[in-house]
PDB file of all heavy atoms in Angstrom:
ATOM      1  N   GLY A   1      54.523  60.856  33.375  1.00  0.00           N
ATOM      2  CA  GLY A   1      53.924  62.159  33.157  1.00  0.00           C
ATOM      3  C   GLY A   1      53.263  62.305  31.793  1.00  0.00           C
ATOM      4  O   GLY A   1      53.463  61.502  30.872  1.00  0.00           O
ATOM      5  N   GLU A   2      52.473  63.361  31.659  1.00  0.00           N
ATOM      6  CA  GLU A   2      51.742  63.617  30.421  1.00  0.00           C
ATOM      7  C   GLU A   2      52.679  63.787  29.230  1.00  0.00           C
ATOM      8  O   GLU A   2      53.784  64.323  29.360  1.00  0.00           O
ATOM      9  CB  GLU A   2      50.860  64.858  30.569  1.00  0.00           C
ATOM     10  CG  GLU A   2      49.720  64.688  31.557  1.00  0.00           C
ATOM     11  CD  GLU A   2      48.726  65.827  31.491  1.00  0.00           C
ATOM     12  OE1 GLU A   2      48.968  66.793  30.735  1.00  0.00           O
ATOM     13  OE2 GLU A   2      47.702  65.749  32.195  1.00  0.00           O
ATOM     14  N   ASN A   3      52.208  63.294  28.088  1.00  0.00           N
ATOM     15  CA  ASN A   3      52.918  63.432  26.804  1.00  0.00           C
ATOM     16  C   ASN A   3      54.255  62.693  26.770  1.00  0.00           C
ATOM     17  O   ASN A   3      55.081  62.960  25.889  1.00  0.00           O
ATOM     18  CB  ASN A   3      53.148  64.906  26.458  1.00  0.00           C
ATOM     19  CG  ASN A   3      51.861  65.708  26.511  1.00  0.00           C
ATOM     20  OD1 ASN A   3      50.856  65.336  25.921  1.00  0.00           O
ATOM     21  ND2 ASN A   3      51.887  66.811  27.270  1.00  0.00           N
ATOM     22  N   ALA A   4      54.462  61.780  27.699  1.00  0.00           N
ATOM     23  CA  ALA A   4      55.706  61.007  27.705  1.00  0.00           C
ATOM     24  C   ALA A   4      55.647  59.909  26.645  1.00  0.00           C
ATOM     25  O   ALA A   4      54.569  59.453  26.257  1.00  0.00           O
ATOM     26  CB  ALA A   4      55.948  60.395  29.081  1.00  0.00           C
ATOM     27  N   ARG A   5      56.825  59.499  26.187  1.00  0.00           N
ATOM     28  CA  ARG A   5      56.956  58.409  25.224  1.00  0.00           C
ATOM     29  C   ARG A   5      57.958  57.394  25.788  1.00  0.00           C
ATOM     30  O   ARG A   5      59.086  57.762  26.124  1.00  0.00           O
ATOM     31  CB  ARG A   5      57.418  58.929  23.868  1.00  0.00           C
ATOM     32  CG  ARG A   5      56.451  59.932  23.246  1.00  0.00           C
ATOM     33  CD  ARG A   5      56.973  60.511  21.941  1.00  0.00           C
ATOM     34  NE  ARG A   5      57.047  59.507  20.894  1.00  0.00           N
ATOM     35  CZ  ARG A   5      56.024  59.174  20.103  1.00  0.00           C
ATOM     36  NH1 ARG A   5      54.842  59.756  20.269  1.00  0.00           N
ATOM     37  NH2 ARG A   5      56.175  58.263  19.150  1.00  0.00           N
ATOM     38  N   ILE A   6      57.512  56.141  25.874  1.00  0.00           N
ATOM     39  CA  ILE A   6      58.347  55.078  26.410  1.00  0.00           C
ATOM     40  C   ILE A   6      58.704  54.137  25.265  1.00  0.00           C
ATOM     41  O   ILE A   6      57.825  53.549  24.621  1.00  0.00           O
ATOM     42  CB  ILE A   6      57.620  54.316  27.535  1.00  0.00           C
ATOM     43  CG1 ILE A   6      57.302  55.280  28.690  1.00  0.00           C
ATOM     44  CG2 ILE A   6      58.463  53.144  28.024  1.00  0.00           C
ATOM     45  CD1 ILE A   6      56.487  54.662  29.793  1.00  0.00           C
ATOM     46  N   GLY A   7      59.994  54.011  24.988  1.00  0.00           N
ATOM     47  CA  GLY A   7      60.446  53.221  23.852  1.00  0.00           C
ATOM     48  C   GLY A   7      60.235  51.732  24.028  1.00  0.00           C
ATOM     49  O   GLY A   7      60.080  51.225  25.146  1.00  0.00           O
ATOM     50  N   ALA A   8      60.242  51.020  22.903  1.00  0.00           N
ATOM     51  CA  ALA A   8      60.091  49.568  22.919  1.00  0.00           C
ATOM     52  C   ALA A   8      61.190  48.920  23.763  1.00  0.00           C
ATOM     53  O   ALA A   8      62.340  49.345  23.756  1.00  0.00           O
ATOM     54  CB  ALA A   8      60.144  49.025  21.495  1.00  0.00           C
ATOM     55  N   ASN A   9      60.789  47.894  24.522  1.00  0.00           N
ATOM     56  CA  ASN A   9      61.701  47.108  25.367  1.00  0.00           C
ATOM     57  C   ASN A   9      62.310  47.898  26.517  1.00  0.00           C
ATOM     58  O   ASN A   9      63.282  47.443  27.132  1.00  0.00           O
ATOM     59  CB  ASN A   9      62.821  46.479  24.524  1.00  0.00           C
ATOM     60  CG  ASN A   9      62.299  45.434  23.562  1.00  0.00           C
ATOM     61  OD1 ASN A   9      61.679  44.453  23.982  1.00  0.00           O
ATOM     62  ND2 ASN A   9      62.524  45.640  22.280  1.00  0.00           N
ATOM     63  N   SER A  10      61.770  49.069  26.817  1.00  0.00           N
ATOM     64  CA  SER A  10      62.271  49.826  27.977  1.00  0.00           C
ATOM     65  C   SER A  10      61.889  49.110  29.270  1.00  0.00           C
ATOM     66  O   SER A  10      60.835  48.482  29.366  1.00  0.00           O
ATOM     67  CB  SER A  10      61.680  51.238  27.984  1.00  0.00           C
ATOM     68  OG  SER A  10      62.109  51.969  26.857  1.00  0.00           O
ATOM     69  N   PHE A  11      62.776  49.217  30.257  1.00  0.00           N
ATOM     70  CA  PHE A  11      62.516  48.610  31.563  1.00  0.00           C
ATOM     71  C   PHE A  11      62.581  49.696  32.628  1.00  0.00           C
ATOM     72  O   PHE A  11      63.613  50.363  32.785  1.00  0.00           O
ATOM     73  CB  PHE A  11      63.554  47.522  31.867  1.00  0.00           C
ATOM     74  CG  PHE A  11      63.329  46.836  33.187  1.00  0.00           C
ATOM     75  CD1 PHE A  11      62.401  45.819  33.302  1.00  0.00           C
ATOM     76  CD2 PHE A  11      64.041  47.223  34.318  1.00  0.00           C
ATOM     77  CE1 PHE A  11      62.186  45.183  34.525  1.00  0.00           C
ATOM     78  CE2 PHE A  11      63.834  46.600  35.536  1.00  0.00           C
ATOM     79  CZ  PHE A  11      62.900  45.571  35.636  1.00  0.00           C
ATOM     80  N   ILE A  12      61.471  49.872  33.349  1.00  0.00           N
ATOM     81  CA  ILE A  12      61.377  50.923  34.366  1.00  0.00           C
ATOM     82  C   ILE A  12      60.869  50.296  35.650  1.00  0.00           C
ATOM     83  O   ILE A  12      59.791  49.694  35.675  1.00  0.00           O
ATOM     84  CB  ILE A  12      60.409  52.040  33.925  1.00  0.00           C
ATOM     85  CG1 ILE A  12      60.818  52.610  32.569  1.00  0.00           C
ATOM     86  CG2 ILE A  12      60.356  53.150  34.974  1.00  0.00           C
ATOM     87  CD1 ILE A  12      59.770  53.524  31.954  1.00  0.00           C
ATOM     88  N   ILE A  13      61.642  50.440  36.726  1.00  0.00           N
ATOM     89  CA  ILE A  13      61.200  49.938  38.023  1.00  0.00           C
ATOM     90  C   ILE A  13      61.477  51.009  39.070  1.00  0.00           C
ATOM     91  O   ILE A  13      62.616  51.451  39.253  1.00  0.00           O
ATOM     92  CB  ILE A  13      61.886  48.597  38.381  1.00  0.00           C
ATOM     93  CG1 ILE A  13      61.442  48.124  39.766  1.00  0.00           C
ATOM     94  CG2 ILE A  13      63.405  48.688  38.285  1.00  0.00           C
ATOM     95  CD1 ILE A  13      61.867  46.692  40.083  1.00  0.00           C
ATOM     96  N   MET A  14      60.420  51.448  39.729  1.00  0.00           N
ATOM     97  CA  MET A  14      60.480  52.408  40.836  1.00  0.00           C
ATOM     98  C   MET A  14      61.214  53.699  40.473  1.00  0.00           C
ATOM     99  O   MET A  14      61.955  54.261  41.281  1.00  0.00           O
ATOM    100  CB  MET A  14      61.106  51.741  42.062  1.00  0.00           C
ATOM    101  CG  MET A  14      60.255  50.626  42.643  1.00  0.00           C
ATOM    102  SD  MET A  14      58.555  51.166  43.027  1.00  0.00           S
ATOM    103  CE  MET A  14      58.843  52.354  44.334  1.00  0.00           C
ATOM    104  N   HIS A  15      61.021  54.156  39.243  1.00  0.00           N
ATOM    105  CA  HIS A  15      61.509  55.466  38.815  1.00  0.00           C
ATOM    106  C   HIS A  15      60.410  56.154  38.009  1.00  0.00           C
ATOM    107  O   HIS A  15      59.724  55.502  37.206  1.00  0.00           O
ATOM    108  CB  HIS A  15      62.774  55.343  37.955  1.00  0.00           C
ATOM    109  CG  HIS A  15      64.013  55.087  38.744  1.00  0.00           C
ATOM    110  ND1 HIS A  15      64.291  53.856  39.307  1.00  0.00           N
ATOM    111  CD2 HIS A  15      65.057  55.911  39.082  1.00  0.00           C
ATOM    112  CE1 HIS A  15      65.451  53.923  39.948  1.00  0.00           C
ATOM    113  NE2 HIS A  15      65.935  55.156  39.825  1.00  0.00           N
ATOM    114  N   ASP A  16      60.227  57.445  38.226  1.00  0.00           N
ATOM    115  CA  ASP A  16      59.169  58.191  37.556  1.00  0.00           C
ATOM    116  C   ASP A  16      59.649  58.752  36.215  1.00  0.00           C
ATOM    117  O   ASP A  16      60.801  59.179  36.078  1.00  0.00           O
ATOM    118  CB  ASP A  16      58.680  59.340  38.432  1.00  0.00           C
ATOM    119  CG  ASP A  16      57.948  58.841  39.683  1.00  0.00           C
ATOM    120  OD1 ASP A  16      57.435  57.703  39.647  1.00  0.00           O
ATOM    121  OD2 ASP A  16      57.909  59.587  40.680  1.00  0.00           O
ATOM    122  N   VAL A  17      58.728  58.761  35.257  1.00  0.00           N
ATOM    123  CA  VAL A  17      59.013  59.312  33.935  1.00  0.00           C
ATOM    124  C   VAL A  17      58.445  60.726  33.878  1.00  0.00           C
ATOM    125  O   VAL A  17      57.244  60.914  34.052  1.00  0.00           O
ATOM    126  CB  VAL A  17      58.378  58.447  32.824  1.00  0.00           C
ATOM    127  CG1 VAL A  17      58.653  59.044  31.453  1.00  0.00           C
ATOM    128  CG2 VAL A  17      58.883  57.005  32.913  1.00  0.00           C
ATOM    129  N   PRO A  18      59.278  61.749  33.657  1.00  0.00           N
ATOM    130  CA  PRO A  18      58.774  63.122  33.656  1.00  0.00           C
ATOM    131  C   PRO A  18      57.873  63.402  32.456  1.00  0.00           C
ATOM    132  O   PRO A  18      57.959  62.728  31.417  1.00  0.00           O
ATOM    133  CB  PRO A  18      60.043  63.970  33.607  1.00  0.00           C
ATOM    134  CG  PRO A  18      61.085  63.076  33.044  1.00  0.00           C
ATOM    135  CD  PRO A  18      60.737  61.685  33.445  1.00  0.00           C
ATOM    136  N   ALA A  19      57.021  64.400  32.583  1.00  0.00           N
ATOM    137  CA  ALA A  19      56.158  64.822  31.485  1.00  0.00           C
ATOM    138  C   ALA A  19      57.005  65.330  30.313  1.00  0.00           C
ATOM    139  O   ALA A  19      58.129  65.801  30.503  1.00  0.00           O
ATOM    140  CB  ALA A  19      55.206  65.915  31.959  1.00  0.00           C
ATOM    141  N   ASN A  20      56.458  65.183  29.114  1.00  0.00           N
ATOM    142  CA  ASN A  20      57.095  65.698  27.891  1.00  0.00           C
ATOM    143  C   ASN A  20      58.495  65.136  27.669  1.00  0.00           C
ATOM    144  O   ASN A  20      59.406  65.846  27.249  1.00  0.00           O
ATOM    145  CB  ASN A  20      57.152  67.234  27.930  1.00  0.00           C
ATOM    146  CG  ASN A  20      55.792  67.854  28.180  1.00  0.00           C
ATOM    147  OD1 ASN A  20      54.839  67.557  27.466  1.00  0.00           O
ATOM    148  ND2 ASN A  20      55.704  68.682  29.213  1.00  0.00           N
ATOM    149  N   SER A  21      58.657  63.857  28.000  1.00  0.00           N
ATOM    150  CA  SER A  21      59.967  63.226  27.845  1.00  0.00           C
ATOM    151  C   SER A  21      59.866  61.964  27.006  1.00  0.00           C
ATOM    152  O   SER A  21      58.781  61.403  26.812  1.00  0.00           O
ATOM    153  CB  SER A  21      60.562  62.881  29.216  1.00  0.00           C
ATOM    154  OG  SER A  21      59.822  61.832  29.830  1.00  0.00           O
ATOM    155  N   THR A  22      61.021  61.521  26.526  1.00  0.00           N
ATOM    156  CA  THR A  22      61.144  60.222  25.866  1.00  0.00           C
ATOM    157  C   THR A  22      62.179  59.413  26.624  1.00  0.00           C
ATOM    158  O   THR A  22      63.273  59.914  26.906  1.00  0.00           O
ATOM    159  CB  THR A  22      61.590  60.377  24.399  1.00  0.00           C
ATOM    160  OG1 THR A  22      60.605  61.145  23.684  1.00  0.00           O
ATOM    161  CG2 THR A  22      61.747  59.029  23.733  1.00  0.00           C
ATOM    162  N   VAL A  23      61.821  58.175  26.978  1.00  0.00           N
ATOM    163  CA  VAL A  23      62.764  57.319  27.702  1.00  0.00           C
ATOM    164  C   VAL A  23      62.948  56.019  26.926  1.00  0.00           C
ATOM    165  O   VAL A  23      62.008  55.487  26.334  1.00  0.00           O
ATOM    166  CB  VAL A  23      62.297  57.028  29.141  1.00  0.00           C
ATOM    167  CG1 VAL A  23      62.105  58.324  29.905  1.00  0.00           C
ATOM    168  CG2 VAL A  23      61.010  56.223  29.161  1.00  0.00           C
ATOM    169  N   VAL A  24      64.174  55.509  26.929  1.00  0.00           N
ATOM    170  CA  VAL A  24      64.482  54.257  26.243  1.00  0.00           C
ATOM    171  C   VAL A  24      65.532  53.506  27.038  1.00  0.00           C
ATOM    172  O   VAL A  24      66.276  54.084  27.835  1.00  0.00           O
ATOM    173  CB  VAL A  24      65.007  54.503  24.802  1.00  0.00           C
ATOM    174  CG1 VAL A  24      63.966  55.203  23.944  1.00  0.00           C
ATOM    175  CG2 VAL A  24      66.296  55.297  24.822  1.00  0.00           C
ATOM    176  N   GLY A  25      65.618  52.198  26.797  1.00  0.00           N
ATOM    177  CA  GLY A  25      66.717  51.426  27.353  1.00  0.00           C
ATOM    178  C   GLY A  25      66.343  50.536  28.514  1.00  0.00           C
ATOM    179  O   GLY A  25      65.240  50.567  29.038  1.00  0.00           O
ATOM    180  N   THR A  26      67.341  49.714  28.912  1.00  0.00           N
ATOM    181  CA  THR A  26      67.196  48.796  30.038  1.00  0.00           C
ATOM    182  C   THR A  26      68.427  48.902  30.930  1.00  0.00           C
ATOM    183  O   THR A  26      69.487  48.393  30.555  1.00  0.00           O
ATOM    184  CB  THR A  26      67.054  47.348  29.543  1.00  0.00           C
ATOM    185  OG1 THR A  26      65.948  47.264  28.652  1.00  0.00           O
ATOM    186  CG2 THR A  26      66.834  46.390  30.693  1.00  0.00           C
ATOM    187  N   PRO A  27      68.341  49.594  32.067  1.00  0.00           N
ATOM    188  CA  PRO A  27      67.180  50.351  32.539  1.00  0.00           C
ATOM    189  C   PRO A  27      66.973  51.624  31.708  1.00  0.00           C
ATOM    190  O   PRO A  27      67.911  52.146  31.102  1.00  0.00           O
ATOM    191  CB  PRO A  27      67.553  50.682  33.992  1.00  0.00           C
ATOM    192  CG  PRO A  27      69.046  50.752  33.974  1.00  0.00           C
ATOM    193  CD  PRO A  27      69.483  49.691  32.998  1.00  0.00           C
ATOM    194  N   ALA A  28      65.748  52.117  31.688  1.00  0.00           N
ATOM    195  CA  ALA A  28      65.417  53.260  30.832  1.00  0.00           C
ATOM    196  C   ALA A  28      66.075  54.543  31.323  1.00  0.00           C
ATOM    197  O   ALA A  28      66.231  54.763  32.529  1.00  0.00           O
ATOM    198  CB  ALA A  28      63.905  53.441  30.776  1.00  0.00           C
ATOM    199  N   ARG A  29      66.481  55.383  30.364  1.00  0.00           N
ATOM    200  CA  ARG A  29      67.033  56.698  30.633  1.00  0.00           C
ATOM    201  C   ARG A  29      66.278  57.732  29.803  1.00  0.00           C
ATOM    202  O   ARG A  29      65.711  57.412  28.753  1.00  0.00           O
ATOM    203  CB  ARG A  29      68.527  56.755  30.280  1.00  0.00           C
ATOM    204  CG  ARG A  29      69.404  55.884  31.147  1.00  0.00           C
ATOM    205  CD  ARG A  29      70.860  55.955  30.710  1.00  0.00           C
ATOM    206  NE  ARG A  29      71.404  57.304  30.848  1.00  0.00           N
ATOM    207  CZ  ARG A  29      71.958  57.777  31.972  1.00  0.00           C
ATOM    208  NH1 ARG A  29      72.029  57.014  33.045  1.00  0.00           N
ATOM    209  NH2 ARG A  29      72.453  59.003  32.004  1.00  0.00           N
ATOM    210  N   ILE A  30      66.301  58.962  30.254  1.00  0.00           N
ATOM    211  CA  ILE A  30      65.661  60.047  29.521  1.00  0.00           C
ATOM    212  C   ILE A  30      66.583  60.474  28.385  1.00  0.00           C
ATOM    213  O   ILE A  30      67.737  60.849  28.622  1.00  0.00           O
ATOM    214  CB  ILE A  30      65.376  61.248  30.447  1.00  0.00           C
ATOM    215  CG1 ILE A  30      64.550  60.813  31.659  1.00  0.00           C
ATOM    216  CG2 ILE A  30      64.663  62.360  29.686  1.00  0.00           C
ATOM    217  CD1 ILE A  30      64.471  61.866  32.747  1.00  0.00           C
ATOM    218  N   VAL A  31      66.065  60.420  27.149  1.00  0.00           N
ATOM    219  CA  VAL A  31      66.875  60.831  26.000  1.00  0.00           C
ATOM    220  C   VAL A  31      66.334  62.117  25.352  1.00  0.00           C
ATOM    221  O   VAL A  31      67.007  62.717  24.511  1.00  0.00           O
ATOM    222  CB  VAL A  31      66.959  59.717  24.946  1.00  0.00           C
ATOM    223  CG1 VAL A  31      67.684  58.506  25.517  1.00  0.00           C
ATOM    224  CG2 VAL A  31      65.575  59.326  24.436  1.00  0.00           C
ATOM    225  N   LYS A  32      65.133  62.507  25.731  1.00  0.00           N
ATOM    226  CA  LYS A  32      64.583  63.776  25.249  1.00  0.00           C
ATOM    227  C   LYS A  32      63.670  64.345  26.322  1.00  0.00           C
ATOM    228  O   LYS A  32      62.876  63.617  26.918  1.00  0.00           O
ATOM    229  CB  LYS A  32      63.813  63.591  23.944  1.00  0.00           C
ATOM    230  CG  LYS A  32      63.287  64.892  23.338  1.00  0.00           C
ATOM    231  CD  LYS A  32      62.583  64.677  22.015  1.00  0.00           C
ATOM    232  CE  LYS A  32      63.578  64.381  20.912  1.00  0.00           C
ATOM    233  NZ  LYS A  32      62.905  64.347  19.568  1.00  0.00           N
ATOM    234  N   LEU A  33      63.794  65.648  26.573  1.00  0.00           N
ATOM    235  CA  LEU A  33      62.993  66.303  27.596  1.00  0.00           C
ATOM    236  C   LEU A  33      62.610  67.693  27.110  1.00  0.00           C
ATOM    237  O   LEU A  33      63.495  68.494  26.765  1.00  0.00           O
ATOM    238  CB  LEU A  33      63.765  66.395  28.915  1.00  0.00           C
ATOM    239  CG  LEU A  33      63.037  66.990  30.115  1.00  0.00           C
ATOM    240  CD1 LEU A  33      61.813  66.157  30.489  1.00  0.00           C
ATOM    241  CD2 LEU A  33      63.972  67.110  31.315  1.00  0.00           C
ATOM    242  N   ASP A  34      61.301  67.957  27.046  1.00  0.00           N
ATOM    243  CA  ASP A  34      60.790  69.249  26.564  1.00  0.00           C
ATOM    244  C   ASP A  34      61.365  69.606  25.193  1.00  0.00           C
ATOM    245  O   ASP A  34      61.732  70.759  24.931  1.00  0.00           O
ATOM    246  CB  ASP A  34      61.097  70.358  27.569  1.00  0.00           C
ATOM    247  CG  ASP A  34      60.365  70.165  28.886  1.00  0.00           C
ATOM    248  OD1 ASP A  34      59.222  69.681  28.860  1.00  0.00           O
ATOM    249  OD2 ASP A  34      60.945  70.485  29.943  1.00  0.00           O
ATOM    250  N   GLY A  35      61.467  68.593  24.336  1.00  0.00           N
ATOM    251  CA  GLY A  35      61.906  68.821  22.968  1.00  0.00           C
ATOM    252  C   GLY A  35      63.403  68.884  22.766  1.00  0.00           C
ATOM    253  O   GLY A  35      63.873  69.043  21.636  1.00  0.00           O
ATOM    254  N   LYS A  36      64.194  68.752  23.820  1.00  0.00           N
ATOM    255  CA  LYS A  36      65.650  68.831  23.712  1.00  0.00           C
ATOM    256  C   LYS A  36      66.278  67.472  24.026  1.00  0.00           C
ATOM    257  O   LYS A  36      65.844  66.782  24.950  1.00  0.00           O
ATOM    258  CB  LYS A  36      66.191  69.883  24.678  1.00  0.00           C
ATOM    259  CG  LYS A  36      65.686  71.293  24.404  1.00  0.00           C
ATOM    260  CD  LYS A  36      66.252  72.268  25.414  1.00  0.00           C
ATOM    261  CE  LYS A  36      65.745  73.689  25.148  1.00  0.00           C
ATOM    262  NZ  LYS A  36      66.273  74.662  26.149  1.00  0.00           N
ATOM    263  N   ARG A  37      67.316  67.113  23.281  1.00  0.00           N
ATOM    264  CA  ARG A  37      68.019  65.856  23.515  1.00  0.00           C
ATOM    265  C   ARG A  37      68.848  65.942  24.798  1.00  0.00           C
ATOM    266  O   ARG A  37      69.596  66.896  24.998  1.00  0.00           O
ATOM    267  CB  ARG A  37      68.918  65.512  22.334  1.00  0.00           C
ATOM    268  CG  ARG A  37      68.134  65.165  21.063  1.00  0.00           C
ATOM    269  CD  ARG A  37      69.015  64.590  19.991  1.00  0.00           C
ATOM    270  NE  ARG A  37      68.257  64.202  18.824  1.00  0.00           N
ATOM    271  CZ  ARG A  37      67.602  63.047  18.690  1.00  0.00           C
ATOM    272  NH1 ARG A  37      67.638  62.164  19.689  1.00  0.00           N
ATOM    273  NH2 ARG A  37      66.935  62.759  17.591  1.00  0.00           N
ATOM    274  N   VAL A  38      68.714  64.925  25.607  1.00  0.00           N
ATOM    275  CA  VAL A  38      69.441  64.876  26.876  1.00  0.00           C
ATOM    276  C   VAL A  38      69.889  63.429  27.118  1.00  0.00           C
ATOM    277  O   VAL A  38      69.557  62.530  26.348  1.00  0.00           O
ATOM    278  CB  VAL A  38      68.565  65.350  28.059  1.00  0.00           C
ATOM    279  CG1 VAL A  38      68.155  66.799  27.892  1.00  0.00           C
ATOM    280  CG2 VAL A  38      67.331  64.458  28.198  1.00  0.00           C
ATOM    281  N   ASP A  39      70.614  63.219  28.184  1.00  0.00           N
ATOM    282  CA  ASP A  39      70.976  61.879  28.637  1.00  0.00           C
ATOM    283  C   ASP A  39      70.964  61.907  30.154  1.00  0.00           C
ATOM    284  O   ASP A  39      71.977  62.214  30.792  1.00  0.00           O
ATOM    285  CB  ASP A  39      72.352  61.470  28.101  1.00  0.00           C
ATOM    286  CG  ASP A  39      72.722  60.048  28.509  1.00  0.00           C
ATOM    287  OD1 ASP A  39      71.827  59.314  28.967  1.00  0.00           O
ATOM    288  OD2 ASP A  39      73.912  59.683  28.387  1.00  0.00           O
ATOM    289  N   GLN A  40      69.786  61.608  30.720  1.00  0.00           N
ATOM    290  CA  GLN A  40      69.598  61.762  32.164  1.00  0.00           C
ATOM    291  C   GLN A  40      68.985  60.500  32.759  1.00  0.00           C
ATOM    292  O   GLN A  40      68.254  59.765  32.094  1.00  0.00           O
ATOM    293  CB  GLN A  40      68.661  62.942  32.461  1.00  0.00           C
ATOM    294  CG  GLN A  40      69.157  64.296  32.000  1.00  0.00           C
ATOM    295  CD  GLN A  40      68.155  65.391  32.308  1.00  0.00           C
ATOM    296  OE1 GLN A  40      67.149  65.159  32.987  1.00  0.00           O
ATOM    297  NE2 GLN A  40      68.409  66.583  31.822  1.00  0.00           N
ATOM    298  N   GLU A  41      69.298  60.289  34.034  1.00  0.00           N
ATOM    299  CA  GLU A  41      68.617  59.255  34.786  1.00  0.00           C
ATOM    300  C   GLU A  41      67.266  59.786  35.270  1.00  0.00           C
ATOM    301  O   GLU A  41      67.087  60.988  35.446  1.00  0.00           O
ATOM    302  CB  GLU A  41      69.452  58.827  35.989  1.00  0.00           C
ATOM    303  CG  GLU A  41      70.749  58.133  35.632  1.00  0.00           C
ATOM    304  CD  GLU A  41      71.489  57.652  36.865  1.00  0.00           C
ATOM    305  OE1 GLU A  41      71.060  57.994  37.991  1.00  0.00           O
ATOM    306  OE2 GLU A  41      72.496  56.942  36.697  1.00  0.00           O
ATOM    307  N   MET A  42      66.333  58.890  35.478  1.00  0.00           N
ATOM    308  CA  MET A  42      65.040  59.273  36.022  1.00  0.00           C
ATOM    309  C   MET A  42      65.103  59.337  37.546  1.00  0.00           C
ATOM    310  O   MET A  42      65.953  58.702  38.168  1.00  0.00           O
ATOM    311  CB  MET A  42      63.965  58.284  35.581  1.00  0.00           C
ATOM    312  CG  MET A  42      63.706  58.299  34.084  1.00  0.00           C
ATOM    313  SD  MET A  42      62.431  57.116  33.595  1.00  0.00           S
ATOM    314  CE  MET A  42      63.270  55.568  33.930  1.00  0.00           C
ATOM    315  N   SER A  43      64.200  60.099  38.124  1.00  0.00           N
ATOM    316  CA  SER A  43      64.158  60.240  39.584  1.00  0.00           C
ATOM    317  C   SER A  43      63.480  59.032  40.212  1.00  0.00           C
ATOM    318  O   SER A  43      62.464  58.541  39.697  1.00  0.00           O
ATOM    319  CB  SER A  43      63.396  61.509  39.973  1.00  0.00           C
ATOM    320  OG  SER A  43      64.018  62.651  39.433  1.00  0.00           O
TER     321      SER A  43
END
């Protein structure tokens, strides 16, 4: 999605990254969404 940030070495397979989010990790997880810190799996 728009304005998303994908961290270095992130691994994403068949999961969508929401807009205005930051994802990191292997497999990647959402660590920030709409400016707030979170810890969520992607859809």
